[in-house]
Amino acid sequence: MSRWNPAIGSMTAPEKSRTCTEMPSGGQSPDVEVRTPVMNSAKKQATTDPRRSRRRVLWWVVAIAVGAFVIVLLVRRHTPETGATSWHTPIRQDANQTTGSPEEEESGGAANTEPQSSPNAPVSPEEQALIERVSRDVARDAESILPAPILKGRAKLLATLPAESVLESVENLPNFDDYVWVSGQIGLDYSMVSYPYLRLLTTRLNRVRKILRQAGGNSAQLIPVLMQKLQHSAEGFEEVEWAERIEVAYSEHGVTRSEPTEWMRRIVYAPVATYLLAEFDACEALPLMAKVYTSPDRFVCVSPLFLFYAMHLLAAEHPRNALSQDALKALDDYLTAAKHLPRPEITELPAWNAAYDETDFRQRFVGKNPIKNQPKIRMRIYPESLREFEKEDGPYLVVAPEIDELFARLEKFIELAYPSD
């Protein structure tokens, strides 16, 4: 259909029609279809409309979400009754849930037969039989895998430590055969002199466990040695820190160490000496420890919070019979103010001569504990919750004002109990 266009004086096709045909001369029937530029432009605009594209994407997202929801409902609906009621299979439940005594766990009995998602759900006979069979298989596999070969690094350490005397073990504390191994297990998430790092380092070093075991009640000869190590580590430490940083910063190809540097020795001796002095009840070391705590140096060889907590333990167990009345009053004043501080955790750990330690990764793969029958030692581990009282300010460590206030009370007691000449 055409209409008259007065502007051009001719017949034109309507703009809204998609196609039009022209009658060729000679009266032949129309057989050529001509698409107008107007409609081609309109069609292109419709296919590239951003709003229509967004709607199409939205519909696809909704369709996929609905389909996934329907699949989940169907899977849950058709889960067999003898299977698990959660996404964990019975084998996974048995590997992660065990109850009863360690002897029962070794024999494969007394496995936790209750699904994780429903603690009170009844257990079918088929499921009970499956759990017992898997438990027996795990126990059998554990017997075939463990005792596992001793790791190469630990085997070398076990060959070295028995020949060392206690004093030699103190001197060799920074040696790489023990320190680098333990430091690598802890990781680099903390500063190497911070409280979270030192509370793990001091209790995991095998030489520390050897010193505690072999020194026993004969620690009198070790206390002066440990005090000397702490004092030497703190004196002039800031210069040693800067020298280490400059050497590392200006090294073109990195720094490789074959033996401990002076900086490494100090950041090991200081915290270990602090920890051992507290374990040996060396109350005579309190003045030295207080002096290190109040050092004006910004770089420190031992966490101030770690040092303070060691002094706190010594003060809490300090003999009272030889103290003056003023010292007793100052001590009671401090203990009252510090009564909210948590106690250390007393834990049984593998001894220095154990074939495996508590970080051995292989114990996670089987249902038997490889360190169960190893020699043990009981150690005090400083509470992790105290870490909130110490923060890292760039390369420096800053303790909370509350700790400084408690130390002021503790320092007053130390001055009265151990007056300087």
Foldseek 3Di string as FASTA:
>chain_A
DWDADVVVGDTDDDLPDQWDFDQDPPRDDTDDIDGDPSNVVVVVCVVPPVVVVVVVVVVVVVVVVVVVVVVVVVVLVPDDPLFANDPDTLLNQQLPFADDDQVCQLQLPRGQQAHPVDRPDDHDPVNVVVSSVSSNVLNVVCVVCPPDAQDPLLVVLLVPPVVDDLVRLLVCQLWCSFQVVQLVLVDDPDDLQADVNLLRRLVRGQSNLVNCVVCPLVCPVVLVVLLVLQLVLLPPVLVVVVVVVVVQVPDPPGDDDPGDDSLSSSLRSNSNSLQVCLVNLVLVCLVVLLCSLPDPDQDHSHHSLSSLVSNVSSLVPPDDPPADPVLVVLSVVLCVLCVPADFWDKDKWAHSNWSDGPSPPVCSVGSHHNCPPGHIDIDTRHDPVLSVQWDDDDPGIDGHVSSVVSVVSVVVSCCRRPPDD
